[in-house]
Amino acid sequence: MSFKNALCAASAIALLGGTAATADSLTIAIVNNGHMINMQKVAEAYTAETGVELNWVSLEEGVLREQVTSDTATGGGQYDIINIGMQEAPIWGAAGWIEPLSFSAEYDVDDILPAMRNGLSHEGTLYAAPFYGESSMVMYRKDLADAAGVTIADNDSWDNVKAAAAAIHDPDNGVYGACLRGKPGWGDNMAFITTVVNSFGGAWFDADMKPALDSAEWNAAINFYVDLLGNYGPPGSEGNSFNEILALYNEGKCGMWIDATIAASFLEVDGVAYAQSPNAGNPVGANWLWAWAMAIPAGSPNAEAAGDFIEWATSKDYVKAVGNHPDFGWGSVPTGQRASTYAIPEFQAAAGFAAAELAAIDSAAPEATDLKPYVGVQFAAIPEFPEVGSAVAQEMAAALSGAKSVEDALAASQAAADAIMREAGYYE
């Protein structure tokens, strides 16, 4: 559902509030990533303490976005708490789709990393609280790189990274040089692809907000991406996103993975090292910025109880609860949301990725620049972007699979994006 169509639907349906929960229960829509899955077990203590039953709806990323957008826009009332991110929070807050958040002094809002707090706010008001935050970085098997006689440096060139992938690539023994997102979705393949485009000096839109997908920079970036993943990635990469690649990596099948920093919490193989994201001459925007956050749909009759749960689930105490949990530990705490987490000695000892993750988050650049007139690194913070990004994502997957040439896929992407932006009234 596009933002404009959703707004029309929302105006036609009164925000009657949730019907799926009572004062004694909350229904929570979450993305099916590791930290969110872990939360279900950790939150058993919350139910024991408060008596509030928690009904979890765990969905794949693309499905979650579709269902949550539709339900929230129309006041469907299916959920009391929803997982959303930086693309949605400011826009939905401004539109009145989600409630502003207010927490106790003990919560310490100022401890939330500024990049996360700013990205989830509109005009200084926080509309979603970060459960975890992330940038992107290179996670590579140093043992395999050493054996192949190659190195990967911070902010390396894409040419060097490609050469390293080629040297590590050993499909006869089940090892692929580079595992990268290929599954279509504006937050799936396009999250990674956009950082590649940024690093080649490209952008989604020009200064007049006209799509720039037919530019030389996009052409060079997509040809590079298709060549790198097509030659040195696992078969069927057009179907792989975060969870699929995490499984491949933990099976020892990936030489390197460039993806969300949060993935480092779930890597189970030895010999992993980390590097800041590569680029093709432009380091600005080569690593993304994102938070999976928790928000309350407007009009929920359980807004107070929902706010209490969000305060607990995104607090310093929650981080400690995961760190001290017998099933998880300090290497599994949600990261990227609070500065205080990085000062905990137990976390520092358990998380060899912590310094690289924080450096990536701190260097992410969502602000508008001379190259792009919009806020956002791997997305554009405009209501129409999910529709634009989803259309382009399908074309990029077709190029990766060989169903279309890069040139044809970009031409179709440009046409689709142009139609969406014209209809939205950005230009005639």
Protein backbone atom coordinates (compact mmCIF):
# COMPACT_ATOMS: atom_id res chain seq x y z
CA MET A 1 0.00 0.00 0.00
CA SER A 2 1.44 3.39 -0.97
CA PHE A 3 1.50 6.15 1.65
CA LYS A 4 -0.93 8.27 -0.36
CA ASN A 5 -3.43 5.42 -0.75
CA ALA A 6 -3.05 4.53 2.90
CA LEU A 7 -3.81 8.11 3.92
CA CYS A 8 -6.98 8.00 1.84
CA ALA A 9 -8.00 4.78 3.55
CA ALA A 10 -7.17 6.21 6.95
CA SER A 11 -9.40 9.21 6.33
CA ALA A 12 -12.29 6.90 5.52
CA ILE A 13 -11.96 4.66 8.58
CA ALA A 14 -12.20 6.02 12.10
CA LEU A 15 -9.27 5.23 14.38
CA LEU A 16 -11.34 3.07 16.69
CA GLY A 17 -8.35 1.56 18.46
CA GLY A 18 -7.22 -2.02 19.00
CA THR A 19 -9.59 -4.93 19.28
CA ALA A 20 -6.95 -7.65 19.56
CA ALA A 21 -5.88 -6.89 23.14
CA THR A 22 -7.40 -6.21 26.52
CA ALA A 23 -5.96 -4.25 29.42
CA ASP A 24 -4.27 -7.49 30.49
CA SER A 25 -2.65 -8.32 27.16
CA LEU A 26 -0.71 -6.72 24.33
CA THR A 27 -0.35 -7.87 20.74
CA ILE A 28 3.08 -7.09 19.34
CA ALA A 29 4.14 -7.29 15.67
CA ILE A 30 7.87 -7.98 15.34
CA VAL A 31 10.35 -8.69 12.57
CA ASN A 32 11.68 -12.26 12.72
CA ASN A 33 15.29 -11.29 13.38
CA GLY A 34 17.34 -12.84 16.17
CA HIS A 35 17.12 -10.10 18.79
CA MET A 36 13.35 -9.88 18.38
CA ILE A 37 12.99 -13.64 18.70
CA ASN A 38 15.14 -13.60 21.84
CA MET A 39 12.91 -10.89 23.31
CA GLN A 40 10.00 -13.30 23.47
CA LYS A 41 11.87 -15.46 25.97
CA VAL A 42 13.38 -12.59 27.96
CA ALA A 43 9.93 -10.98 28.23
CA GLU A 44 8.56 -13.96 30.13
CA ALA A 45 9.94 -12.18 33.18
CA TYR A 46 7.92 -9.07 32.26
CA THR A 47 4.71 -11.07 32.17
CA ALA A 48 5.57 -12.74 35.46
CA GLU A 49 6.18 -9.34 37.07
CA THR A 50 3.25 -7.40 35.60
CA GLY A 51 0.68 -10.02 34.67
CA VAL A 52 0.44 -8.58 31.15
CA GLU A 53 0.21 -11.36 28.57
CA LEU A 54 2.21 -10.75 25.39
CA ASN A 55 0.89 -12.06 22.10
CA TRP A 56 3.67 -12.13 19.51
CA VAL A 57 3.19 -11.90 15.76
CA SER A 58 6.58 -12.63 14.18
CA LEU A 59 6.81 -11.84 10.47
CA GLU A 60 9.41 -11.80 7.70
CA GLU A 61 10.63 -8.24 7.06
CA GLY A 62 8.75 -7.54 3.85
CA VAL A 63 5.51 -9.10 5.11
CA LEU A 64 5.77 -7.18 8.37
CA ARG A 65 6.09 -3.87 6.56
CA GLU A 66 3.10 -4.56 4.35
CA GLN A 67 0.81 -5.73 7.13
CA VAL A 68 1.82 -3.11 9.68
CA THR A 69 1.51 -0.28 7.16
CA SER A 70 -1.95 -1.37 6.09
CA ASP A 71 -3.23 -1.95 9.62
CA THR A 72 -1.77 1.24 11.09
CA ALA A 73 -2.90 3.48 8.22
CA THR A 74 -6.48 2.28 8.40
CA GLY A 75 -6.79 2.07 12.17
CA GLY A 76 -7.32 -1.66 11.96
CA GLY A 77 -6.35 -2.11 15.59
CA GLN A 78 -4.71 -5.49 15.12
CA TYR A 79 -1.57 -4.54 17.04
CA ASP A 80 -0.79 -2.60 20.21
CA ILE A 81 2.94 -2.35 19.48
CA ILE A 82 4.62 -2.46 16.08
CA ASN A 83 8.15 -2.81 14.77
CA ILE A 84 8.99 0.03 12.41
CA GLY A 85 12.20 1.80 11.41
CA MET A 86 13.73 5.12 10.49
CA GLN A 87 11.97 5.37 7.16
CA GLU A 88 8.53 5.14 8.72
CA ALA A 89 8.80 6.71 12.19
CA PRO A 90 9.14 10.43 11.31
CA ILE A 91 6.63 10.23 8.46
CA TRP A 92 4.06 8.25 10.39
CA GLY A 93 4.52 10.48 13.41
CA ALA A 94 3.89 13.59 11.33
CA ALA A 95 0.80 11.95 9.80
CA GLY A 96 -0.63 11.06 13.22
CA TRP A 97 -0.46 7.31 12.62
CA ILE A 98 1.59 6.58 15.74
CA GLU A 99 1.66 8.03 19.25
CA PRO A 100 4.44 10.30 20.53
CA LEU A 101 6.48 8.57 23.22
CA SER A 102 7.20 9.84 26.72
CA PHE A 103 9.32 7.98 29.27
CA SER A 104 10.35 8.30 32.89
CA ALA A 105 13.54 10.07 33.92
CA GLU A 106 15.09 6.71 34.80
CA TYR A 107 14.76 5.63 31.17
CA ASP A 108 17.43 8.19 30.22
CA VAL A 109 16.46 9.20 26.70
CA ASP A 110 19.78 11.05 26.34
CA ASP A 111 21.59 7.70 26.57
CA ILE A 112 20.06 6.68 23.23
CA LEU A 113 22.66 7.25 20.52
CA PRO A 114 21.94 10.59 18.80
CA ALA A 115 21.81 8.99 15.34
CA MET A 116 19.04 6.69 16.52
CA ARG A 117 17.13 9.31 18.50
CA ASN A 118 17.18 11.78 15.63
CA GLY A 119 16.23 9.20 13.02
CA LEU A 120 13.14 8.11 14.96
CA SER A 121 11.89 11.62 15.74
CA HIS A 122 9.88 14.30 13.96
CA GLU A 123 10.45 17.93 14.94
CA GLY A 124 12.15 16.85 18.14
CA THR A 125 9.44 14.41 19.26
CA LEU A 126 10.35 10.73 19.58
CA TYR A 127 7.79 8.47 17.90
CA ALA A 128 9.56 5.11 18.13
CA ALA A 129 12.09 3.74 20.62
CA PRO A 130 15.05 1.79 19.21
CA PHE A 131 15.18 -1.86 20.23
CA TYR A 132 18.44 -2.16 18.36
CA GLY A 133 20.31 0.03 15.90
CA GLU A 134 22.73 -0.75 13.14
CA SER A 135 24.93 0.43 10.35
CA SER A 136 26.60 -1.90 7.86
CA MET A 137 30.14 -3.26 7.67
CA VAL A 138 32.28 -6.03 6.22
CA MET A 139 32.27 -9.28 8.20
CA TYR A 140 34.90 -11.58 6.69
CA ARG A 141 36.66 -14.81 7.47
CA LYS A 142 40.19 -13.67 8.24
CA ASP A 143 41.38 -17.28 8.29
CA LEU A 144 40.20 -17.74 4.71
CA ALA A 145 41.59 -14.37 3.65
CA ASP A 146 44.96 -15.18 5.17
CA ALA A 147 45.01 -18.57 3.48
CA ALA A 148 44.25 -16.90 0.15
CA GLY A 149 46.92 -14.24 0.71
CA VAL A 150 44.54 -11.27 0.62
CA THR A 151 43.66 -8.49 3.04
CA ILE A 152 40.56 -6.35 3.54
CA ALA A 153 41.05 -2.89 4.99
CA ASP A 154 38.69 -0.34 6.49
CA ASN A 155 37.00 1.65 3.72
CA ASP A 156 38.74 -0.51 1.12
CA SER A 157 38.14 -0.05 -2.59
CA TRP A 158 35.47 -2.16 -4.21
CA ASP A 159 38.10 -3.44 -6.64
CA ASN A 160 40.19 -4.80 -3.76
CA VAL A 161 37.13 -6.34 -2.14
CA LYS A 162 36.22 -8.03 -5.41
CA ALA A 163 39.76 -9.36 -5.76
CA ALA A 164 39.58 -10.73 -2.21
CA ALA A 165 36.24 -12.39 -2.94
CA ALA A 166 37.70 -13.99 -6.05
CA ALA A 167 40.69 -15.32 -4.11
CA ILE A 168 38.55 -16.76 -1.30
CA HIS A 169 35.90 -18.20 -3.63
CA ASP A 170 36.07 -22.00 -3.58
CA PRO A 171 32.67 -23.38 -4.59
CA ASP A 172 34.01 -26.92 -5.02
CA ASN A 173 34.51 -26.92 -1.26
CA GLY A 174 31.30 -25.06 -0.51
CA VAL A 175 32.81 -21.63 0.14
CA TYR A 176 31.57 -18.54 -1.71
CA GLY A 177 33.64 -15.38 -1.89
CA ALA A 178 30.84 -12.92 -1.11
CA CYS A 179 27.36 -13.41 0.33
CA LEU A 180 25.21 -10.32 -0.30
CA ARG A 181 21.53 -9.48 -0.28
CA GLY A 182 19.62 -10.22 -3.45
CA LYS A 183 16.05 -10.76 -2.27
CA PRO A 184 13.80 -8.02 -3.65
CA GLY A 185 12.52 -5.40 -1.22
CA TRP A 186 13.25 -1.77 -0.46
CA GLY A 187 14.72 -2.86 2.86
CA ASP A 188 16.22 -6.07 1.48
CA ASN A 189 18.36 -6.02 -1.66
CA MET A 190 17.96 -2.26 -2.06
CA ALA A 191 19.42 -1.54 1.38
CA PHE A 192 22.75 -2.98 0.30
CA ILE A 193 22.51 -1.91 -3.34
CA THR A 194 21.84 1.72 -2.39
CA THR A 195 25.05 1.86 -0.35
CA VAL A 196 26.94 0.55 -3.38
CA VAL A 197 25.31 3.20 -5.57
CA ASN A 198 26.12 5.89 -3.00
CA SER A 199 29.75 4.79 -2.94
CA PHE A 200 29.89 5.12 -6.73
CA GLY A 201 28.62 8.70 -6.42
CA GLY A 202 24.99 8.02 -7.34
CA ALA A 203 21.69 8.90 -5.65
CA TRP A 204 18.02 7.97 -5.89
CA PHE A 205 16.89 11.46 -6.93
CA ASP A 206 18.42 14.60 -8.35
CA ALA A 207 18.05 18.09 -6.90
CA ASP A 208 14.53 18.35 -8.39
CA MET A 209 13.54 14.98 -6.88
CA LYS A 210 13.47 13.38 -10.30
CA PRO A 211 14.65 9.75 -10.29
CA ALA A 212 18.32 9.37 -11.27
CA LEU A 213 18.33 5.62 -11.93
CA ASP A 214 19.41 6.05 -15.54
CA SER A 215 22.68 7.72 -14.49
CA ALA A 216 26.16 6.48 -15.28
CA GLU A 217 26.76 6.00 -11.55
CA TRP A 218 23.80 3.64 -11.15
CA ASN A 219 24.85 1.75 -14.26
CA ALA A 220 28.40 1.27 -12.99
CA ALA A 221 27.26 0.31 -9.49
CA ILE A 222 24.68 -2.26 -10.61
CA ASN A 223 27.00 -3.83 -13.15
CA PHE A 224 29.59 -4.14 -10.39
CA TYR A 225 27.06 -5.66 -7.96
CA VAL A 226 25.76 -8.18 -10.49
CA ASP A 227 29.28 -9.15 -11.50
CA LEU A 228 30.52 -9.53 -7.92
CA LEU A 229 27.57 -11.54 -6.64
CA GLY A 230 26.98 -13.41 -9.89
CA ASN A 231 30.56 -14.67 -10.06
CA TYR A 232 31.50 -15.06 -6.40
CA GLY A 233 28.20 -15.47 -4.56
CA PRO A 234 26.14 -18.55 -3.75
CA PRO A 235 23.64 -19.87 -6.31
CA GLY A 236 20.16 -18.40 -5.96
CA SER A 237 21.38 -15.14 -4.39
CA GLU A 238 18.31 -13.36 -5.72
CA GLY A 239 16.39 -15.17 -2.95
CA ASN A 240 18.75 -14.32 -0.10
CA SER A 241 18.28 -11.64 2.55
CA PHE A 242 19.54 -11.31 6.13
CA ASN A 243 18.30 -14.57 7.62
CA GLU A 244 19.26 -16.70 4.62
CA ILE A 245 22.79 -15.30 4.51
CA LEU A 246 23.21 -15.61 8.28
CA ALA A 247 22.47 -19.31 7.96
CA LEU A 248 24.95 -19.69 5.10
CA TYR A 249 27.64 -17.83 7.03
CA ASN A 250 27.19 -19.96 10.11
CA GLU A 251 27.46 -23.06 7.94
CA GLY A 252 30.91 -21.87 6.89
CA LYS A 253 29.86 -21.11 3.32
CA CYS A 254 30.65 -17.37 3.13
CA GLY A 255 34.05 -15.76 2.85
CA MET A 256 32.63 -12.30 3.45
CA TRP A 257 29.32 -10.67 4.15
CA ILE A 258 28.62 -6.93 3.91
CA ASP A 259 25.45 -6.28 5.83
CA ALA A 260 23.92 -5.02 9.06
CA THR A 261 26.36 -4.65 11.93
CA ILE A 262 23.83 -6.38 14.17
CA ALA A 263 24.59 -9.64 12.34
CA ALA A 264 27.86 -9.88 14.24
CA SER A 265 25.88 -10.77 17.37
CA PHE A 266 24.75 -13.99 15.73
CA LEU A 267 27.88 -15.23 13.95
CA GLU A 268 28.88 -18.65 15.23
CA VAL A 269 32.02 -19.39 13.19
CA ASP A 270 35.60 -18.73 14.20
CA GLY A 271 38.05 -16.43 12.46
CA VAL A 272 35.68 -13.51 11.78
CA ALA A 273 37.15 -10.03 11.39
CA TYR A 274 35.47 -6.71 10.68
CA ALA A 275 36.14 -3.74 8.41
CA GLN A 276 34.35 -0.51 7.57
CA SER A 277 32.35 -0.58 4.35
CA PRO A 278 34.17 -0.32 1.01
CA ASN A 279 33.59 2.34 -1.60
CA ALA A 280 34.35 3.32 -5.17
CA GLY A 281 35.73 6.75 -4.36
CA ASN A 282 32.84 8.16 -2.33
CA PRO A 283 32.79 6.96 1.30
CA VAL A 284 29.72 9.06 2.20
CA GLY A 285 26.72 6.74 2.29
CA ALA A 286 28.79 3.57 1.84
CA ASN A 287 27.36 2.26 5.13
CA TRP A 288 23.73 2.49 6.04
CA LEU A 289 21.89 3.61 9.17
CA TRP A 290 18.84 1.86 10.58
CA ALA A 291 17.00 0.99 13.76
CA TRP A 292 14.32 -1.57 14.38
CA ALA A 293 12.15 0.30 16.81
CA MET A 294 8.89 -0.04 18.73
CA ALA A 295 5.93 2.26 18.26
CA ILE A 296 2.30 2.51 19.32
CA PRO A 297 -0.43 2.84 16.66
CA ALA A 298 -2.58 5.92 17.18
CA GLY A 299 -5.84 5.34 18.97
CA SER A 300 -4.81 2.14 20.73
CA PRO A 301 -6.93 1.66 23.88
CA ASN A 302 -3.86 0.04 25.44
CA ALA A 303 -1.45 2.88 24.76
CA GLU A 304 -0.42 3.26 28.40
CA ALA A 305 0.34 -0.44 28.84
CA ALA A 306 2.11 -0.46 25.46
CA GLY A 307 4.26 2.49 26.51
CA ASP A 308 5.20 0.73 29.74
CA PHE A 309 6.33 -2.35 27.82
CA ILE A 310 8.32 -0.31 25.29
CA GLU A 311 10.05 1.54 28.13
CA TRP A 312 11.08 -1.81 29.64
CA ALA A 313 12.08 -3.47 26.35
CA THR A 314 14.32 -0.61 25.21
CA SER A 315 15.84 0.21 28.59
CA LYS A 316 19.28 -0.26 30.14
CA ASP A 317 17.74 -2.90 32.39
CA TYR A 318 16.61 -4.93 29.38
CA VAL A 319 20.18 -4.98 28.05
CA LYS A 320 21.33 -6.29 31.42
CA ALA A 321 18.53 -8.87 31.46
CA VAL A 322 19.75 -10.32 28.15
CA GLY A 323 23.37 -10.19 29.24
CA ASN A 324 22.59 -12.09 32.43
CA HIS A 325 20.10 -14.50 30.84
CA PRO A 326 21.27 -18.14 30.93
CA ASP A 327 20.22 -18.73 27.33
CA PHE A 328 21.89 -15.65 25.83
CA GLY A 329 24.71 -13.68 27.49
CA TRP A 330 26.58 -10.45 26.83
CA GLY A 331 27.50 -11.24 23.25
CA SER A 332 23.80 -11.42 22.40
CA VAL A 333 22.51 -8.14 23.83
CA PRO A 334 20.75 -5.75 21.43
CA THR A 335 23.26 -3.12 20.38
CA GLY A 336 23.43 0.13 18.47
CA GLN A 337 20.77 1.84 20.56
CA ARG A 338 22.41 3.04 23.82
CA ALA A 339 25.81 4.56 24.50
CA SER A 340 25.93 2.92 27.93
CA THR A 341 25.94 -0.58 26.43
CA TYR A 342 29.39 0.00 24.96
CA ALA A 343 30.78 0.90 28.40
CA ILE A 344 29.72 -2.37 30.06
CA PRO A 345 32.88 -4.44 30.74
CA GLU A 346 31.11 -7.76 30.22
CA PHE A 347 29.83 -6.60 26.84
CA GLN A 348 33.25 -5.33 25.79
CA ALA A 349 34.77 -8.70 26.68
CA ALA A 350 32.15 -10.70 24.77
CA ALA A 351 31.63 -8.54 21.68
CA GLY A 352 34.71 -8.39 19.48
CA PHE A 353 32.64 -6.47 16.94
CA ALA A 354 31.65 -3.61 19.26
CA ALA A 355 34.26 -1.05 18.18
CA ALA A 356 33.68 -1.68 14.47
CA GLU A 357 29.91 -1.48 14.92
CA LEU A 358 30.00 1.81 16.82
CA ALA A 359 32.46 3.32 14.31
CA ALA A 360 30.10 2.41 11.47
CA ILE A 361 27.09 3.93 13.24
CA ASP A 362 28.99 7.09 14.07
CA SER A 363 30.19 7.52 10.47
CA ALA A 364 26.80 6.98 8.82
CA ALA A 365 25.60 10.14 7.05
CA PRO A 366 21.82 10.38 6.61
CA GLU A 367 21.78 14.14 6.08
CA ALA A 368 21.04 15.68 2.69
CA THR A 369 24.20 16.47 0.73
CA ASP A 370 25.24 17.96 -2.59
CA LEU A 371 24.79 14.48 -4.10
CA LYS A 372 21.31 13.83 -2.69
CA PRO A 373 18.52 16.25 -1.72
CA TYR A 374 16.88 13.89 0.78
CA VAL A 375 17.48 12.50 4.27
CA GLY A 376 18.41 8.84 4.52
CA VAL A 377 21.34 6.64 3.57
CA GLN A 378 19.87 3.42 2.12
CA PHE A 379 16.42 4.96 1.72
CA ALA A 380 14.89 8.34 1.03
CA ALA A 381 12.80 9.72 3.88
CA ILE A 382 9.81 10.56 1.73
CA PRO A 383 6.39 8.86 1.83
CA GLU A 384 6.69 7.53 -1.70
CA PHE A 385 9.98 5.74 -1.22
CA PRO A 386 8.65 2.30 -0.21
CA GLU A 387 6.68 2.15 -3.46
CA VAL A 388 9.63 3.38 -5.52
CA GLY A 389 12.11 1.14 -3.74
CA SER A 390 9.94 -1.94 -4.04
CA ALA A 391 9.51 -1.45 -7.79
CA VAL A 392 13.24 -1.02 -8.33
CA ALA A 393 14.00 -3.99 -6.08
CA GLN A 394 12.15 -6.34 -8.42
CA GLU A 395 14.13 -5.06 -11.39
CA MET A 396 17.46 -5.46 -9.58
CA ALA A 397 16.59 -9.05 -8.66
CA ALA A 398 15.78 -9.70 -12.32
CA ALA A 399 19.17 -8.31 -13.34
CA LEU A 400 20.93 -10.45 -10.74
CA SER A 401 19.17 -13.62 -11.85
CA GLY A 402 19.95 -12.90 -15.51
CA ALA A 403 16.29 -12.50 -16.46
CA LYS A 404 17.09 -8.95 -17.64
CA SER A 405 20.17 -7.04 -18.60
CA VAL A 406 21.35 -4.37 -16.18
CA GLU A 407 20.54 -1.71 -18.74
CA ASP A 408 16.98 -2.96 -19.27
CA ALA A 409 16.41 -3.31 -15.53
CA LEU A 410 17.56 0.24 -14.90
CA ALA A 411 15.43 1.60 -17.73
CA ALA A 412 12.37 -0.12 -16.30
CA SER A 413 13.30 1.15 -12.82
CA GLN A 414 13.59 4.71 -14.06
CA ALA A 415 10.22 4.53 -15.79
CA ALA A 416 8.47 3.09 -12.73
CA ALA A 417 10.03 5.60 -10.35
CA ASP A 418 9.23 8.50 -12.65
CA ALA A 419 5.57 7.47 -12.84
CA ILE A 420 5.30 7.24 -9.05
CA MET A 421 6.96 10.60 -8.43
CA ARG A 422 4.89 12.35 -11.11
CA GLU A 423 1.67 10.97 -9.68
CA ALA A 424 2.74 12.14 -6.23
CA GLY A 425 3.12 15.68 -7.60
CA TYR A 426 6.84 16.24 -7.22
CA TYR A 427 6.95 17.53 -10.79
CA GLU A 428 4.81 17.53 -13.94
